[in-house]
């Protein structure tokens, strides 16, 4: 199970890479393995200002549809254009080509709920 130490994680199995006031967000290796083969990603929230915990899209696997929860308050500034034609990138490279959105972090955003890699590993029993 790949859980990069430099990222932050959520209880809902999203990962966050914070660079300055921008957060790149995706689903974890654990999440994609639990979902199975991902066949469709629906994210239509570009430009939306959302709070941490708000739903920003859905991911559809062969057997289920799962909501995606924004881990940090901010405005969605970019969607991964490759996911429309290649949703399986979430399975193949969840921390690279499988990123989902970029968010301009709200100056008052609370990041204290984000988990470090060791805490996330404990959460999923790795």
Protein backbone atom coordinates (compact mmCIF):
# COMPACT_ATOMS: atom_id res chain seq x y z
CA UNK A 1 0.00 0.00 0.00
CA UNK A 2 1.51 3.30 -1.11
CA UNK A 3 1.08 6.13 1.43
CA UNK A 4 3.52 8.97 0.66
CA UNK A 5 4.87 10.60 3.84
CA UNK A 6 4.81 14.14 2.38
CA UNK A 7 1.02 14.18 1.88
CA UNK A 8 -1.86 14.79 4.28
CA UNK A 9 -4.90 12.50 4.42
CA UNK A 10 -8.55 12.44 5.49
CA UNK A 11 -10.78 9.93 7.22
CA UNK A 12 -12.69 9.77 3.91
CA UNK A 13 -9.56 8.56 2.06
CA UNK A 14 -8.62 11.67 0.13
CA UNK A 15 -5.04 12.93 -0.01
CA UNK A 16 -3.88 16.55 0.00
CA UNK A 17 -0.63 18.07 -1.26
CA UNK A 18 -0.30 21.67 0.01
CA UNK A 19 2.04 23.96 -1.93
CA UNK A 20 1.77 27.58 -0.83
CA UNK A 21 -1.92 28.49 -0.95
CA UNK A 22 -2.80 25.70 -3.42
CA UNK A 23 -3.95 22.21 -2.48
CA UNK A 24 -3.91 19.33 -4.96
CA UNK A 25 -6.42 16.63 -4.01
CA UNK A 26 -7.09 13.04 -5.01
CA UNK A 27 -8.14 9.70 -3.59
CA UNK A 28 -5.70 7.43 -1.80
CA UNK A 29 -4.24 4.16 -3.00
CA UNK A 30 -6.36 2.46 -0.33
CA UNK A 31 -9.54 4.12 -1.64
CA UNK A 32 -8.93 3.14 -5.25
CA UNK A 33 -8.15 -0.45 -4.23
CA UNK A 34 -11.39 -0.65 -2.23
CA UNK A 35 -13.44 0.83 -5.09
CA UNK A 36 -12.01 -1.48 -7.73
CA UNK A 37 -11.95 -0.55 -11.42
CA UNK A 38 -12.90 3.12 -11.74
CA UNK A 39 -14.91 3.82 -14.88
CA UNK A 40 -16.14 7.42 -14.50
CA UNK A 41 -15.30 10.59 -12.59
CA UNK A 42 -17.89 13.37 -12.26
CA UNK A 43 -16.53 16.67 -11.00
CA UNK A 44 -18.34 19.80 -12.13
CA UNK A 45 -17.44 22.16 -9.30
CA UNK A 46 -14.71 24.25 -10.98
CA UNK A 47 -14.98 27.79 -9.66
CA UNK A 48 -17.06 26.73 -6.66
CA UNK A 49 -16.13 27.91 -3.18
CA UNK A 50 -16.70 24.99 -0.83
CA UNK A 51 -16.17 24.20 2.82
CA UNK A 52 -14.15 21.28 4.11
CA UNK A 53 -16.42 18.24 4.10
CA UNK A 54 -18.59 19.42 1.18
CA UNK A 55 -19.09 17.04 -1.73
CA UNK A 56 -17.11 18.17 -4.78
CA UNK A 57 -17.87 15.27 -7.10
CA UNK A 58 -18.33 11.53 -7.44
CA UNK A 59 -16.29 8.60 -8.63
CA UNK A 60 -17.95 5.59 -10.20
CA UNK A 61 -16.48 2.11 -10.08
CA UNK A 62 -17.89 -1.03 -11.65
CA UNK A 63 -19.90 -1.87 -8.52
CA UNK A 64 -20.46 1.44 -6.72
CA UNK A 65 -20.61 5.24 -6.83
CA UNK A 66 -18.79 7.16 -4.12
CA UNK A 67 -18.99 10.82 -3.12
CA UNK A 68 -15.80 12.88 -2.99
CA UNK A 69 -15.43 15.17 0.04
CA UNK A 70 -13.33 18.31 -0.11
CA UNK A 71 -10.71 18.05 2.66
CA UNK A 72 -9.95 21.77 2.90
CA UNK A 73 -12.01 24.96 2.55
CA UNK A 74 -11.34 26.87 -0.64
CA UNK A 75 -12.20 27.47 -4.28
CA UNK A 76 -11.74 24.77 -6.89
CA UNK A 77 -9.52 26.32 -9.53
CA UNK A 78 -8.62 23.36 -11.73
CA UNK A 79 -9.96 19.94 -12.67
CA UNK A 80 -7.72 17.18 -13.95
CA UNK A 81 -8.61 17.20 -17.67
CA UNK A 82 -7.20 13.71 -18.20
CA UNK A 83 -9.74 11.97 -15.98
CA UNK A 84 -12.60 12.43 -18.45
CA UNK A 85 -10.98 10.19 -21.05
CA UNK A 86 -8.82 8.16 -18.65
CA UNK A 87 -10.61 7.61 -15.29
CA UNK A 88 -8.49 4.50 -14.73
CA UNK A 89 -5.59 6.86 -13.91
CA UNK A 90 -7.09 6.86 -10.41
CA UNK A 91 -6.33 3.14 -10.18
CA UNK A 92 -2.98 3.27 -11.95
CA UNK A 93 -1.41 6.40 -10.42
CA UNK A 94 -3.60 7.89 -7.65
CA UNK A 95 -0.89 10.27 -6.38
CA UNK A 96 0.36 11.40 -9.80
CA UNK A 97 -1.67 11.38 -13.01
CA UNK A 98 -4.77 10.54 -10.96
CA UNK A 99 -4.98 13.84 -9.07
CA UNK A 100 -8.52 15.25 -9.19
CA UNK A 101 -8.71 18.95 -8.36
CA UNK A 102 -6.61 21.93 -7.37
CA UNK A 103 -7.97 24.29 -4.76
CA UNK A 104 -7.07 27.83 -3.80
CA UNK A 105 -7.02 27.46 -0.02
CA UNK A 106 -9.20 29.86 1.93
CA UNK A 107 -7.00 32.00 4.25
CA UNK A 108 -9.11 30.87 7.23
CA UNK A 109 -9.05 27.17 6.31
CA UNK A 110 -8.49 24.79 9.21
CA UNK A 111 -6.01 22.03 8.36
CA UNK A 112 -5.89 20.54 11.85
CA UNK A 113 -8.24 17.69 10.86
CA UNK A 114 -5.85 16.44 8.16
CA UNK A 115 -3.92 13.29 9.07
CA UNK A 116 -0.22 12.62 8.63
CA UNK A 117 0.86 9.43 6.86
CA UNK A 118 1.43 7.44 10.07
CA UNK A 119 -2.00 8.33 11.46
CA UNK A 120 -3.61 7.43 8.13
CA UNK A 121 -1.78 4.09 8.07
CA UNK A 122 -3.17 3.34 11.54
CA UNK A 123 -6.67 4.30 10.35
CA UNK A 124 -6.61 1.77 7.51
CA UNK A 125 -4.73 -0.88 9.49
CA UNK A 126 -1.49 -0.90 7.53
